Amino acid sequence: MPASVNHASSCRTLVISDEGAKKVLRSVTLKFTEHDPITLDARGITIFVGPNNSGKSLALRELHALFENQELPASLQLLSGYDLAWPSEGEIDALLDRLAALVVQPNNLASGHVAIGSYQPSLGHVQVVVDRNTVQRLAREREKGWFTHNILRWGALRLDGRSRFALSNDQQMGDLLSAPTNALSLLFGNDAIRKNVQHALLEAFGKYFVLDPTFGGTLRIRLADTPPVDEQSLAKAARDYFAKAQYIKDASDGVQAYTGIITAVMSGEFHTFLVDEPEAFLHPPLARKLGKQLASLTAKSERSLFAATHSPDFLMGCLQVSQNVRVVRMAYANGKSKARVVNSEELAAFLQRPLMRSANVVSGLFHDGVVVTESDNDRAFYAEIYHRLSQDDPSLPSLLFVNAQNKQTQTEIIGPLRRFGVPTVGIVDIDVLKEGGTVWSAWLNASNVPKATHEAMHRMRGSIFSLFEGKDMKRDGGVSLLSPQDADAANDLFDSMARVGVFVVRQGEVEDWLKHHGVSGRKAAWALAMLERLGSDPAAEGYVRPGKDDVWEFMRQVANWVRDPARKGFD
């Protein structure tokens, strides 16, 4: 049953219903400069991912503006519209009752009027008085802006920066015979919700969440090693129990932030959560737990959670427990914005594969691009080369380097990441020419080479491969083994591959880079020796800085493909 206004003590044992939370935002529409607007189902979980400065936090701020303004401000850059799942008259009455139960009703209210509001971390407790008949009439007239700003705004909670810590601050107990005045006083009077919070935080920290009422009408959060017998008692045994429990403000920032978020989500006050970097201050395992718990709680209560995150662990936690997760990868460069809705089922299946987990491929969603190499030795070398280039030129895109197990598994990473909206490069040795049939087809498919040209590309590969008959293309010089005319033909093929983001080591293999440094060996031995030769201290004599050619120019070409908005091989 929905909550009702009640000033008696029964109000303190009120169980807040989620019925009022079910009829809120239906969808939101975001606009971008590079493609048509995207309309997102607002129910369930929406996670914005992408590199720094891609618009993730901006999206949350503008979604908050939806509730804060009766008309959408003209200055909004992303949000262009929204739709409501309009409640019935009975559901509106239930929603008003629910909001009324969260505030103290003023004396002498006019007939049909009711005070509604909520506790906002940045503002404290805020409430207004509305006329029920006016609310019903404007809802019938579909006055969307008015209804969102005056009614639904009280159920929207934005948490960014350190504001999430306010939710774990000490709060006044208030009048226990009246309506709760803040999140903690609501929890103190609601055994069912408090036990749910206790269970969630016990799972996260192995500690018992308790509300300590011993400090002169103030409620304090503590974390105890043992379950409470009666946390609403002021008897000596209870006082001793609270004294032994850890005060929340003596806990780490991560514990405080986690506790604040869980308390807000489970208190029943809010239907829409806008959380910027929920993983802030959390170690990776705790970020994953928070993702799992928020996904589970949001799904069960039919609320809406919008989160902007840089954390692969938080994202993985959400995907583990809920199919109703929308992942939106955002990008912004050169004054142009775009986004792609990732197929969450495909993403979840992709990340379940051991290779993808071990290679930390999911982190690619948070970079400007990804480079996939054949082996870990290749990855270490190319990543170091690119690091030095980036030190000299900070404008270069942020690239994540990951390794597959071989040429065959490279395509299993490249193809999905490109479909998820991540510009993804493959770097291969020249012996990729040996890979005909289904393996070559996999490279063409992963690189989004037009189907109409596949047959021609197969023939071209076969022709170029035949030119190396009787020669060791990988170890004896690559295209330099060919006549000038044949080398031109090979380079034409490799140029066409580079245009779709597949970069071939034309002189043979990774060990053929920086030959003038005289590093010998193969595979891991060569990689370790070369990294040692490159040096580690920029101030030391002999430290190798980027040059104009060789592997330095090769990696500049990789970076140029990633940041080229007109790149081929990427939708």
Protein backbone atom coordinates (compact mmCIF):
# COMPACT_ATOMS: atom_id res chain seq x y z
CA MET A 1 0.00 0.00 0.00
CA PRO A 2 1.25 3.55 -0.63
CA ALA A 3 2.29 5.70 2.26
CA SER A 4 -0.25 8.11 3.73
CA VAL A 5 0.09 11.26 5.76
CA ASN A 6 0.02 10.37 9.41
CA HIS A 7 1.31 12.40 12.33
CA ALA A 8 0.87 9.56 14.82
CA SER A 9 3.56 7.18 15.96
CA SER A 10 2.54 4.69 13.29
CA CYS A 11 4.26 6.98 10.84
CA ARG A 12 7.56 5.83 12.32
CA THR A 13 7.00 2.24 11.24
CA LEU A 14 5.85 3.22 7.79
CA VAL A 15 7.16 1.08 4.90
CA ILE A 16 7.68 3.35 1.95
CA SER A 17 6.11 1.85 -1.17
CA ASP A 18 7.83 1.84 -4.52
CA GLU A 19 4.53 2.32 -6.35
CA GLY A 20 5.12 6.03 -6.65
CA ALA A 21 8.54 5.40 -8.14
CA LYS A 22 7.26 3.29 -11.02
CA LYS A 23 5.51 6.06 -12.89
CA VAL A 24 8.19 8.63 -13.54
CA LEU A 25 10.60 9.10 -16.44
CA ARG A 26 9.87 6.91 -19.43
CA SER A 27 12.67 8.08 -21.70
CA VAL A 28 15.23 10.82 -22.25
CA THR A 29 16.58 12.06 -25.58
CA LEU A 30 20.17 13.21 -26.03
CA LYS A 31 21.39 15.16 -29.05
CA PHE A 32 24.83 15.00 -30.68
CA THR A 33 26.58 16.90 -33.43
CA GLU A 34 27.71 13.83 -35.39
CA HIS A 35 24.48 11.85 -35.70
CA ASP A 36 20.77 11.80 -34.97
CA PRO A 37 19.53 12.09 -31.36
CA ILE A 38 19.47 8.97 -29.20
CA THR A 39 16.40 8.17 -27.11
CA LEU A 40 17.12 6.09 -24.01
CA ASP A 41 14.67 4.13 -21.91
CA ALA A 42 15.02 5.89 -18.56
CA ARG A 43 13.91 2.94 -16.44
CA GLY A 44 16.51 0.67 -14.92
CA ILE A 45 20.21 1.43 -15.20
CA THR A 46 21.97 3.69 -17.69
CA ILE A 47 25.74 3.88 -17.48
CA PHE A 48 27.68 6.55 -19.34
CA VAL A 49 31.22 5.50 -20.20
CA GLY A 50 33.96 6.98 -22.34
CA PRO A 51 37.28 8.81 -22.10
CA ASN A 52 37.82 11.97 -20.08
CA ASN A 53 35.90 15.05 -21.23
CA SER A 54 33.53 13.02 -23.37
CA GLY A 55 30.35 14.43 -21.80
CA LYS A 56 29.52 11.81 -19.16
CA SER A 57 29.25 14.22 -16.23
CA LEU A 58 27.59 16.83 -18.43
CA ALA A 59 24.84 14.33 -19.23
CA LEU A 60 24.13 13.88 -15.52
CA ARG A 61 24.07 17.62 -14.84
CA GLU A 62 21.62 18.18 -17.68
CA LEU A 63 19.41 15.31 -16.54
CA HIS A 64 19.30 17.01 -13.15
CA ALA A 65 18.30 20.26 -14.88
CA LEU A 66 15.28 18.39 -16.22
CA PHE A 67 13.92 18.29 -12.66
CA GLU A 68 15.20 21.69 -11.57
CA ASN A 69 13.56 23.70 -14.36
CA GLN A 70 9.97 23.85 -15.56
CA GLU A 71 11.25 24.38 -19.10
CA LEU A 72 14.48 22.89 -20.40
CA PRO A 73 17.12 25.66 -20.53
CA ALA A 74 18.16 26.68 -24.05
CA SER A 75 21.80 26.33 -23.00
CA LEU A 76 21.63 22.53 -22.66
CA GLN A 77 24.15 20.83 -24.93
CA LEU A 78 23.02 17.19 -24.73
CA LEU A 79 19.50 16.83 -23.33
CA SER A 80 16.89 17.69 -25.94
CA GLY A 81 13.74 16.13 -24.50
CA TYR A 82 12.10 13.55 -22.29
CA ASP A 83 8.87 11.64 -21.83
CA LEU A 84 6.99 10.60 -18.72
CA ALA A 85 5.17 7.39 -17.92
CA TRP A 86 2.10 9.36 -16.81
CA PRO A 87 0.54 8.07 -13.59
CA SER A 88 -3.19 7.59 -13.11
CA GLU A 89 -5.18 9.75 -10.68
CA GLY A 90 -4.91 7.05 -8.03
CA GLU A 91 -1.17 6.77 -8.56
CA ILE A 92 -0.78 10.53 -8.26
CA ASP A 93 -2.64 10.47 -4.94
CA ALA A 94 -0.37 7.64 -3.80
CA LEU A 95 2.71 9.59 -4.88
CA LEU A 96 1.56 12.72 -3.04
CA ASP A 97 0.85 10.65 0.07
CA ARG A 98 4.30 9.14 -0.17
CA LEU A 99 6.00 12.52 -0.47
CA ALA A 100 3.82 13.95 2.30
CA ALA A 101 4.89 11.17 4.65
CA LEU A 102 8.49 12.36 4.32
CA VAL A 103 7.88 15.88 5.67
CA VAL A 104 6.27 17.54 8.65
CA GLN A 105 2.84 18.85 7.67
CA PRO A 106 2.27 22.53 8.60
CA ASN A 107 -0.70 23.46 10.75
CA ASN A 108 -3.82 24.97 9.22
CA LEU A 109 -3.30 23.72 5.68
CA ALA A 110 -6.13 24.69 3.33
CA SER A 111 -8.46 21.90 2.34
CA GLY A 112 -6.97 19.68 -0.37
CA HIS A 113 -3.48 21.05 0.14
CA VAL A 114 -0.48 18.98 1.22
CA ALA A 115 3.19 19.62 1.98
CA ILE A 116 5.63 17.51 -0.03
CA GLY A 117 9.41 17.46 -0.25
CA SER A 118 12.55 15.48 0.44
CA TYR A 119 15.99 15.60 1.96
CA GLN A 120 18.66 16.82 -0.46
CA PRO A 121 22.30 16.52 0.61
CA SER A 122 23.25 19.93 -0.76
CA LEU A 123 20.16 21.78 0.52
CA GLY A 124 18.99 19.90 3.58
CA HIS A 125 15.28 19.26 4.02
CA VAL A 126 13.15 21.14 1.48
CA GLN A 127 9.39 21.15 1.11
CA VAL A 128 6.56 23.01 -0.61
CA VAL A 129 2.76 23.04 -0.37
CA VAL A 130 0.68 21.96 -3.37
CA ASP A 131 -3.03 21.70 -4.11
CA ARG A 132 -4.05 18.12 -4.93
CA ASN A 133 -6.72 19.23 -7.39
CA THR A 134 -4.24 21.42 -9.26
CA VAL A 135 -1.76 18.57 -9.48
CA GLN A 136 -4.43 16.24 -10.87
CA ARG A 137 -5.66 18.81 -13.39
CA LEU A 138 -2.19 19.63 -14.72
CA ALA A 139 -1.41 15.93 -14.98
CA ARG A 140 -4.57 15.40 -17.05
CA GLU A 141 -3.49 18.29 -19.26
CA ARG A 142 -0.07 16.67 -19.63
CA GLU A 143 1.77 19.72 -18.34
CA LYS A 144 5.02 17.79 -18.38
CA GLY A 145 7.37 20.59 -17.33
CA TRP A 146 5.21 21.65 -14.39
CA PHE A 147 4.65 18.09 -13.17
CA THR A 148 8.32 17.17 -13.41
CA HIS A 149 9.55 20.31 -11.71
CA ASN A 150 6.96 20.50 -8.94
CA ILE A 151 6.24 16.84 -8.18
CA LEU A 152 8.87 14.50 -9.58
CA ARG A 153 11.82 16.69 -8.60
CA TRP A 154 11.49 15.57 -4.99
CA GLY A 155 12.36 12.04 -5.95
CA ALA A 156 15.50 12.90 -7.93
CA LEU A 157 18.86 12.71 -6.18
CA ARG A 158 22.14 13.84 -7.70
CA LEU A 159 25.39 12.72 -6.09
CA ASP A 160 28.65 14.17 -7.33
CA GLY A 161 32.03 14.95 -5.87
CA ARG A 162 31.92 14.91 -2.11
CA SER A 163 28.15 15.51 -1.85
CA ARG A 164 27.68 11.76 -1.38
CA PHE A 165 29.45 12.10 1.98
CA ALA A 166 26.64 14.31 3.28
CA LEU A 167 24.39 11.27 3.29
CA SER A 168 26.50 9.69 6.03
CA ASN A 169 26.67 12.85 8.16
CA ASP A 170 25.12 13.03 11.63
CA GLN A 171 21.45 14.00 11.35
CA GLN A 172 18.81 15.16 13.78
CA MET A 173 16.50 12.51 15.17
CA GLY A 174 13.58 14.93 15.14
CA ASP A 175 10.18 14.31 16.67
CA LEU A 176 9.71 10.55 16.84
CA LEU A 177 5.92 11.03 16.92
CA SER A 178 5.93 12.95 13.66
CA ALA A 179 7.16 12.38 10.13
CA PRO A 180 10.88 11.72 9.62
CA THR A 181 12.83 14.79 8.62
CA ASN A 182 15.86 13.19 6.95
CA ALA A 183 17.14 9.89 5.61
CA LEU A 184 18.55 8.70 8.95
CA SER A 185 15.43 9.53 10.93
CA LEU A 186 13.42 7.60 8.35
CA LEU A 187 15.74 4.61 8.71
CA PHE A 188 15.65 4.85 12.50
CA GLY A 189 11.88 4.54 12.48
CA ASN A 190 11.63 1.93 9.74
CA ASP A 191 12.90 -1.46 10.84
CA ALA A 192 12.38 -3.11 7.46
CA ILE A 193 14.39 -0.59 5.44
CA ARG A 194 17.09 -0.35 8.11
CA LYS A 195 17.55 -4.13 8.06
CA ASN A 196 17.91 -4.02 4.28
CA VAL A 197 20.64 -1.39 4.57
CA GLN A 198 22.28 -3.47 7.29
CA HIS A 199 22.31 -6.53 5.05
CA ALA A 200 23.80 -4.65 2.08
CA LEU A 201 26.60 -3.09 4.11
CA LEU A 202 27.32 -6.34 5.95
CA GLU A 203 27.85 -7.94 2.55
CA ALA A 204 30.16 -5.09 1.51
CA PHE A 205 32.27 -4.57 4.65
CA GLY A 206 31.54 -7.45 6.99
CA LYS A 207 30.29 -4.84 9.49
CA TYR A 208 26.84 -4.11 10.91
CA PHE A 209 25.31 -0.74 10.05
CA VAL A 210 23.68 0.73 13.18
CA LEU A 211 22.17 4.09 14.09
CA ASP A 212 23.49 5.44 17.36
CA PRO A 213 20.90 7.64 19.17
CA THR A 214 23.03 8.33 22.27
CA PHE A 215 24.23 11.82 21.34
CA GLY A 216 21.51 14.25 22.46
CA GLY A 217 18.88 13.82 19.76
CA THR A 218 21.41 13.24 16.99
CA LEU A 219 21.63 10.06 14.94
CA ARG A 220 25.11 8.82 14.08
CA ILE A 221 26.05 5.97 11.78
CA ARG A 222 28.33 3.36 13.30
CA LEU A 223 29.74 0.09 11.99
CA ALA A 224 29.81 -2.73 14.52
CA ASP A 225 31.49 -6.15 14.58
CA THR A 226 28.44 -7.87 16.05
CA PRO A 227 24.71 -7.54 15.29
CA PRO A 228 22.70 -5.14 17.47
CA VAL A 229 20.29 -6.50 20.05
CA ASP A 230 18.24 -3.31 20.27
CA GLU A 231 19.78 -0.30 18.58
CA GLN A 232 16.95 1.96 19.71
CA SER A 233 17.67 1.35 23.37
CA LEU A 234 19.52 3.78 25.62
CA ALA A 235 20.25 1.17 28.31
CA LYS A 236 23.84 0.66 29.48
CA ALA A 237 24.30 -2.46 27.37
CA ALA A 238 23.27 -0.51 24.28
CA ARG A 239 25.53 2.42 25.17
CA ASP A 240 28.47 0.07 25.62
CA TYR A 241 27.68 -1.54 22.28
CA PHE A 242 27.65 1.81 20.47
CA ALA A 243 30.86 2.89 22.17
CA LYS A 244 32.68 -0.14 20.75
CA ALA A 245 31.36 0.35 17.21
CA GLN A 246 33.31 2.43 14.68
CA TYR A 247 31.98 5.93 14.04
CA ILE A 248 31.38 6.34 10.30
CA LYS A 249 33.48 9.52 10.12
CA ASP A 250 36.46 7.56 11.42
CA ALA A 251 36.12 5.12 8.53
CA SER A 252 37.80 5.55 5.15
CA ASP A 253 36.43 7.87 2.47
CA GLY A 254 35.46 4.80 0.49
CA VAL A 255 33.39 3.34 3.31
CA GLN A 256 31.69 6.69 3.91
CA ALA A 257 30.86 7.18 0.22
CA TYR A 258 29.61 3.61 -0.18
CA THR A 259 27.46 3.89 2.94
CA GLY A 260 25.99 7.21 1.82
CA ILE A 261 25.01 5.91 -1.60
CA ILE A 262 23.47 2.69 -0.28
CA THR A 263 21.58 4.58 2.44
CA ALA A 264 20.08 6.96 -0.14
CA VAL A 265 19.10 4.25 -2.60
CA MET A 266 17.49 2.02 0.02
CA SER A 267 15.77 4.69 2.08
CA GLY A 268 12.81 4.77 -0.31
CA GLU A 269 12.88 8.53 -0.73
CA PHE A 270 14.09 8.72 -4.33
CA HIS A 271 13.01 7.33 -7.69
CA THR A 272 15.84 8.68 -9.86
CA PHE A 273 19.53 8.63 -8.97
CA LEU A 274 22.20 10.59 -10.83
CA VAL A 275 25.58 9.42 -9.58
CA ASP A 276 28.84 10.83 -10.92
CA GLU A 277 31.78 8.47 -10.51
CA PRO A 278 30.15 6.11 -7.99
CA GLU A 279 33.50 4.31 -7.77
CA ALA A 280 35.26 7.38 -6.34
CA PHE A 281 37.29 6.53 -3.23
CA LEU A 282 36.58 2.80 -3.69
CA HIS A 283 39.06 0.00 -4.28
CA PRO A 284 38.21 -2.08 -7.40
CA PRO A 285 36.58 -5.00 -5.51
CA LEU A 286 34.35 -2.58 -3.60
CA ALA A 287 33.47 -0.72 -6.81
CA ARG A 288 32.34 -4.02 -8.28
CA LYS A 289 30.24 -4.79 -5.19
CA LEU A 290 28.62 -1.36 -5.39
CA GLY A 291 27.77 -1.96 -9.03
CA LYS A 292 26.18 -5.31 -8.20
CA GLN A 293 24.18 -3.91 -5.29
CA LEU A 294 22.95 -0.81 -7.13
CA ALA A 295 21.96 -2.87 -10.16
CA SER A 296 20.09 -5.33 -7.97
CA LEU A 297 18.32 -2.66 -5.92
CA THR A 298 17.37 -0.57 -8.93
CA ALA A 299 15.95 -3.57 -10.78
CA LYS A 300 13.90 -4.72 -7.80
CA SER A 301 12.36 -1.33 -7.10
CA GLU A 302 11.84 -0.25 -10.73
CA ARG A 303 13.71 2.97 -10.12
CA SER A 304 16.10 4.76 -12.46
CA LEU A 305 19.85 4.98 -12.00
CA PHE A 306 22.04 7.09 -14.25
CA ALA A 307 25.75 6.77 -13.52
CA ALA A 308 28.86 8.21 -15.15
CA THR A 309 31.84 6.02 -14.45
CA HIS A 310 35.51 5.45 -15.25
CA SER A 311 35.50 2.10 -13.49
CA PRO A 312 35.50 -1.20 -15.38
CA ASP A 313 34.82 -2.88 -12.04
CA PHE A 314 31.67 -0.87 -11.35
CA LEU A 315 30.45 -1.60 -14.88
CA MET A 316 31.21 -5.31 -14.53
CA GLY A 317 29.34 -5.42 -11.23
CA CYS A 318 26.22 -3.94 -12.84
CA LEU A 319 26.37 -6.31 -15.80
CA GLN A 320 26.76 -9.35 -13.57
CA VAL A 321 23.35 -9.05 -11.96
CA SER A 322 21.06 -7.19 -14.35
CA GLN A 323 20.14 -7.50 -18.01
CA ASN A 324 18.37 -4.14 -17.86
CA VAL A 325 21.59 -2.15 -18.17
CA ARG A 326 22.13 0.38 -20.92
CA VAL A 327 25.75 1.25 -21.58
CA VAL A 328 26.24 4.48 -23.52
CA ARG A 329 29.76 5.15 -24.75
CA MET A 330 30.29 8.87 -25.30
CA ALA A 331 33.01 10.65 -27.23
CA TYR A 332 33.93 14.29 -27.83
CA ALA A 333 36.73 15.67 -29.98
CA ASN A 334 37.34 18.82 -32.00
CA GLY A 335 34.06 20.32 -30.82
CA LYS A 336 32.07 17.33 -32.07
CA SER A 337 30.04 14.97 -29.91
CA LYS A 338 28.76 11.46 -30.50
CA ALA A 339 27.60 8.43 -28.57
CA ARG A 340 26.74 4.79 -29.11
CA VAL A 341 24.41 2.56 -27.13
CA VAL A 342 26.31 -0.65 -26.49
CA ASN A 343 24.45 -3.94 -26.74
CA SER A 344 24.60 -4.90 -23.06
CA GLU A 345 23.93 -8.59 -23.70
CA GLU A 346 26.77 -8.79 -26.21
CA LEU A 347 29.02 -6.81 -23.87
CA ALA A 348 28.25 -9.10 -20.92
CA ALA A 349 28.89 -12.23 -23.01
CA PHE A 350 32.09 -10.71 -24.41
CA LEU A 351 33.42 -9.96 -20.93
CA GLN A 352 32.61 -13.43 -19.62
CA ARG A 353 35.34 -14.89 -21.81
CA PRO A 354 38.58 -15.58 -19.88
CA LEU A 355 40.77 -13.93 -22.53
CA MET A 356 38.82 -10.69 -22.31
CA ARG A 357 38.98 -10.63 -18.52
CA SER A 358 42.69 -11.42 -18.38
CA ALA A 359 43.49 -8.77 -20.99
CA ASN A 360 41.40 -6.14 -19.13
CA VAL A 361 39.68 -5.37 -22.41
CA VAL A 362 36.71 -3.68 -20.73
CA SER A 363 38.99 -0.78 -19.78
CA GLY A 364 39.02 0.12 -23.46
CA LEU A 365 35.55 1.63 -23.06
CA PHE A 366 37.15 4.42 -21.02
CA HIS A 367 39.93 5.34 -23.49
CA ASP A 368 40.01 7.19 -26.79
CA GLY A 369 41.08 3.97 -28.46
CA VAL A 370 42.58 0.51 -28.03
CA VAL A 371 45.62 -1.13 -29.64
CA VAL A 372 45.53 -4.94 -29.83
CA THR A 373 48.84 -6.75 -30.30
CA GLU A 374 49.68 -10.40 -30.95
CA SER A 375 51.54 -11.02 -27.68
CA ASP A 376 52.39 -9.51 -24.33
CA ASN A 377 55.95 -8.79 -25.49
CA ASP A 378 54.61 -6.75 -28.41
CA ARG A 379 52.17 -4.97 -26.10
CA ALA A 380 54.90 -3.92 -23.65
CA PHE A 381 57.12 -2.55 -26.43
CA TYR A 382 54.48 -0.62 -28.35
CA ALA A 383 52.95 0.76 -25.15
CA GLU A 384 56.34 2.11 -24.06
CA ILE A 385 56.95 3.71 -27.46
CA TYR A 386 53.55 5.38 -27.32
CA HIS A 387 54.09 6.52 -23.74
CA ARG A 388 57.19 8.43 -24.85
CA LEU A 389 55.37 9.95 -27.78
CA SER A 390 52.57 11.07 -25.44
CA GLN A 391 55.07 12.65 -23.08
CA ASP A 392 56.31 14.81 -25.95
CA ASP A 393 52.83 15.48 -27.37
CA PRO A 394 50.03 15.51 -24.75
CA SER A 395 47.46 16.08 -27.50
CA LEU A 396 47.77 12.46 -28.63
CA PRO A 397 44.71 10.30 -27.87
CA SER A 398 44.53 8.13 -24.77
CA LEU A 399 45.22 4.55 -25.91
CA LEU A 400 44.91 1.29 -24.02
CA PHE A 401 47.28 -1.47 -25.14
CA VAL A 402 46.08 -5.05 -24.75
CA ASN A 403 47.40 -8.31 -26.09
CA ALA A 404 45.70 -11.33 -27.58
CA GLN A 405 47.24 -14.80 -27.79
CA ASN A 406 47.83 -14.79 -31.54
CA LYS A 407 46.58 -13.29 -34.80
CA GLN A 408 43.42 -15.37 -34.64
CA THR A 409 42.33 -14.03 -31.25
CA GLN A 410 43.22 -10.43 -32.11
CA THR A 411 40.13 -10.20 -34.29
CA GLU A 412 37.97 -11.53 -31.44
CA ILE A 413 38.87 -8.39 -29.51
CA ILE A 414 38.96 -5.84 -32.33
CA GLY A 415 35.55 -6.61 -33.83
CA PRO A 416 33.44 -6.36 -30.65
CA LEU A 417 35.25 -3.26 -29.37
CA ARG A 418 34.56 -1.45 -32.62
CA ARG A 419 30.90 -2.43 -32.38
CA PHE A 420 30.90 -0.99 -28.85
CA GLY A 421 32.07 2.34 -30.26
CA VAL A 422 35.77 2.07 -29.39
CA PRO A 423 38.26 2.88 -32.18
CA THR A 424 40.42 -0.25 -32.08
CA VAL A 425 43.68 -0.90 -33.94
CA GLY A 426 45.36 -4.20 -34.71
CA ILE A 427 49.17 -4.37 -35.04
CA VAL A 428 50.47 -7.51 -36.77
CA ASP A 429 53.72 -8.88 -38.13
CA ILE A 430 54.01 -9.29 -41.88
CA ASP A 431 53.31 -13.02 -41.73
CA VAL A 432 49.63 -12.16 -41.40
CA LEU A 433 49.81 -12.76 -45.16
CA LYS A 434 49.94 -16.49 -44.42
CA GLU A 435 46.50 -16.35 -42.86
CA GLY A 436 44.10 -17.15 -45.67
CA GLY A 437 40.59 -18.54 -45.60
CA THR A 438 38.50 -17.97 -42.48
CA VAL A 439 41.32 -16.23 -40.58
CA TRP A 440 41.77 -13.59 -43.29
CA SER A 441 37.98 -13.24 -43.49
CA ALA A 442 37.92 -12.65 -39.73
CA TRP A 443 40.37 -9.76 -40.18
CA LEU A 444 38.25 -8.26 -42.94
CA ASN A 445 35.07 -8.59 -40.87
CA ALA A 446 36.62 -7.22 -37.67
CA SER A 447 37.97 -4.25 -39.62
CA ASN A 448 34.60 -3.55 -41.27
CA VAL A 449 36.00 -3.92 -44.78
CA PRO A 450 33.01 -3.64 -47.16
CA LYS A 451 31.68 -7.07 -48.09
CA ALA A 452 31.80 -6.19 -51.78
CA THR A 453 35.60 -5.99 -51.64
CA HIS A 454 36.24 -9.16 -49.63
CA GLU A 455 36.80 -11.37 -52.67
CA ALA A 456 39.27 -8.89 -54.15
CA MET A 457 41.11 -8.61 -50.83
CA HIS A 458 41.38 -12.40 -50.63
CA ARG A 459 42.89 -12.54 -54.12
CA MET A 460 45.26 -9.68 -53.36
CA ARG A 461 46.49 -11.35 -50.17
CA GLY A 462 47.12 -14.59 -52.04
CA SER A 463 49.01 -12.79 -54.80
CA ILE A 464 51.24 -10.87 -52.40
CA PHE A 465 51.89 -13.96 -50.29
CA SER A 466 53.04 -15.85 -53.39
CA LEU A 467 55.70 -13.19 -54.02
CA PHE A 468 57.49 -14.34 -50.87
CA GLU A 469 57.71 -17.98 -51.94
CA GLY A 470 61.10 -19.35 -50.87
CA LYS A 471 61.77 -16.30 -48.70
CA ASP A 472 61.46 -15.81 -44.92
CA MET A 473 59.35 -12.65 -45.03
CA LYS A 474 59.24 -12.28 -41.25
CA ARG A 475 62.94 -12.56 -40.41
CA ASP A 476 64.78 -11.47 -43.54
CA GLY A 477 63.41 -8.01 -44.25
CA GLY A 478 59.75 -8.10 -45.22
CA VAL A 479 58.90 -5.99 -48.27
CA SER A 480 62.60 -5.18 -48.81
CA LEU A 481 62.97 -8.73 -50.15
CA LEU A 482 60.76 -7.86 -53.12
CA SER A 483 61.47 -6.08 -56.38
CA PRO A 484 60.43 -2.41 -56.43
CA GLN A 485 57.32 -3.23 -58.47
CA ASP A 486 56.30 -6.12 -56.20
CA ALA A 487 57.07 -4.04 -53.09
CA ASP A 488 54.69 -1.36 -54.41
CA ALA A 489 51.98 -4.01 -54.77
CA ALA A 490 52.56 -5.25 -51.21
CA ASN A 491 52.51 -1.71 -49.85
CA ASP A 492 49.24 -1.03 -51.66
CA LEU A 493 47.69 -3.92 -49.73
CA PHE A 494 49.20 -2.77 -46.44
CA ASP A 495 48.08 0.81 -47.08
CA SER A 496 44.51 -0.38 -47.62
CA MET A 497 44.70 -2.33 -44.35
CA ALA A 498 46.08 0.71 -42.49
CA ARG A 499 43.12 2.76 -43.72
CA VAL A 500 40.81 0.39 -41.82
CA GLY A 501 42.99 0.36 -38.69
CA VAL A 502 45.15 -2.74 -39.26
CA PHE A 503 48.85 -1.83 -39.20
CA VAL A 504 51.34 -4.34 -40.57
CA VAL A 505 55.04 -4.35 -39.63
CA ARG A 506 56.21 -4.19 -43.22
CA GLN A 507 59.86 -4.92 -42.53
CA GLY A 508 58.91 -8.21 -40.83
CA GLU A 509 58.24 -8.33 -37.09
CA VAL A 510 58.48 -6.33 -33.89
CA GLU A 511 62.16 -7.24 -33.43
CA ASP A 512 62.95 -5.31 -36.63
CA TRP A 513 62.20 -1.94 -35.05
CA LEU A 514 65.04 0.31 -33.83
CA LYS A 515 67.70 -1.96 -35.34
CA HIS A 516 70.34 0.75 -34.96
CA HIS A 517 70.32 0.18 -31.19
CA GLY A 518 71.86 -3.24 -31.74
CA VAL A 519 69.49 -5.19 -29.50
CA SER A 520 69.55 -8.92 -30.25
CA GLY A 521 67.38 -11.84 -29.18
CA ARG A 522 63.81 -12.85 -29.85
CA LYS A 523 60.41 -12.60 -28.21
CA ALA A 524 60.60 -11.96 -24.43
CA ALA A 525 64.41 -11.73 -24.40
CA TRP A 526 64.37 -9.07 -27.12
CA ALA A 527 61.52 -7.12 -25.51
CA LEU A 528 63.23 -7.02 -22.12
CA ALA A 529 66.58 -6.04 -23.65
CA MET A 530 65.00 -3.32 -25.80
CA LEU A 531 63.07 -1.83 -22.89
CA GLU A 532 66.30 -1.79 -20.89
CA ARG A 533 68.11 -0.10 -23.79
CA LEU A 534 65.42 2.56 -24.07
CA GLY A 535 66.12 3.59 -20.47
CA SER A 536 63.79 4.53 -17.65
CA ASP A 537 65.06 7.89 -16.40
CA PRO A 538 64.44 10.81 -18.77
CA ALA A 539 67.24 12.73 -17.07
CA ALA A 540 69.80 9.98 -17.59
CA GLU A 541 72.35 9.92 -20.40
CA GLY A 542 71.33 7.41 -23.03
CA TYR A 543 67.59 7.73 -22.46
CA VAL A 544 65.97 7.23 -25.87
CA ARG A 545 63.57 9.95 -26.95
CA PRO A 546 61.12 9.81 -29.86
CA GLY A 547 62.53 10.13 -33.35
CA LYS A 548 61.04 11.17 -36.68
CA ASP A 549 60.89 7.76 -38.33
CA ASP A 550 61.02 4.04 -37.57
CA VAL A 551 58.57 2.82 -34.93
CA TRP A 552 57.95 6.37 -33.77
CA GLU A 553 56.34 7.33 -37.08
CA PHE A 554 54.52 3.98 -37.19
CA MET A 555 52.84 4.70 -33.84
CA ARG A 556 52.02 8.26 -34.89
CA GLN A 557 50.10 6.76 -37.79
CA VAL A 558 48.23 4.51 -35.34
CA ALA A 559 47.30 7.56 -33.23
CA ASN A 560 46.23 9.49 -36.32
CA TRP A 561 43.81 6.74 -37.33
CA VAL A 562 42.26 6.71 -33.85
CA ARG A 563 41.66 10.45 -33.76
CA ASP A 564 40.57 10.83 -37.39
CA PRO A 565 36.77 11.36 -37.36
CA ALA A 566 36.68 10.21 -41.01
CA ARG A 567 38.55 6.96 -40.32
CA LYS A 568 37.63 3.93 -42.40
CA GLY A 569 36.67 0.61 -40.86
CA PHE A 570 34.69 2.19 -38.04
CA ASP A 571 31.00 3.02 -38.19
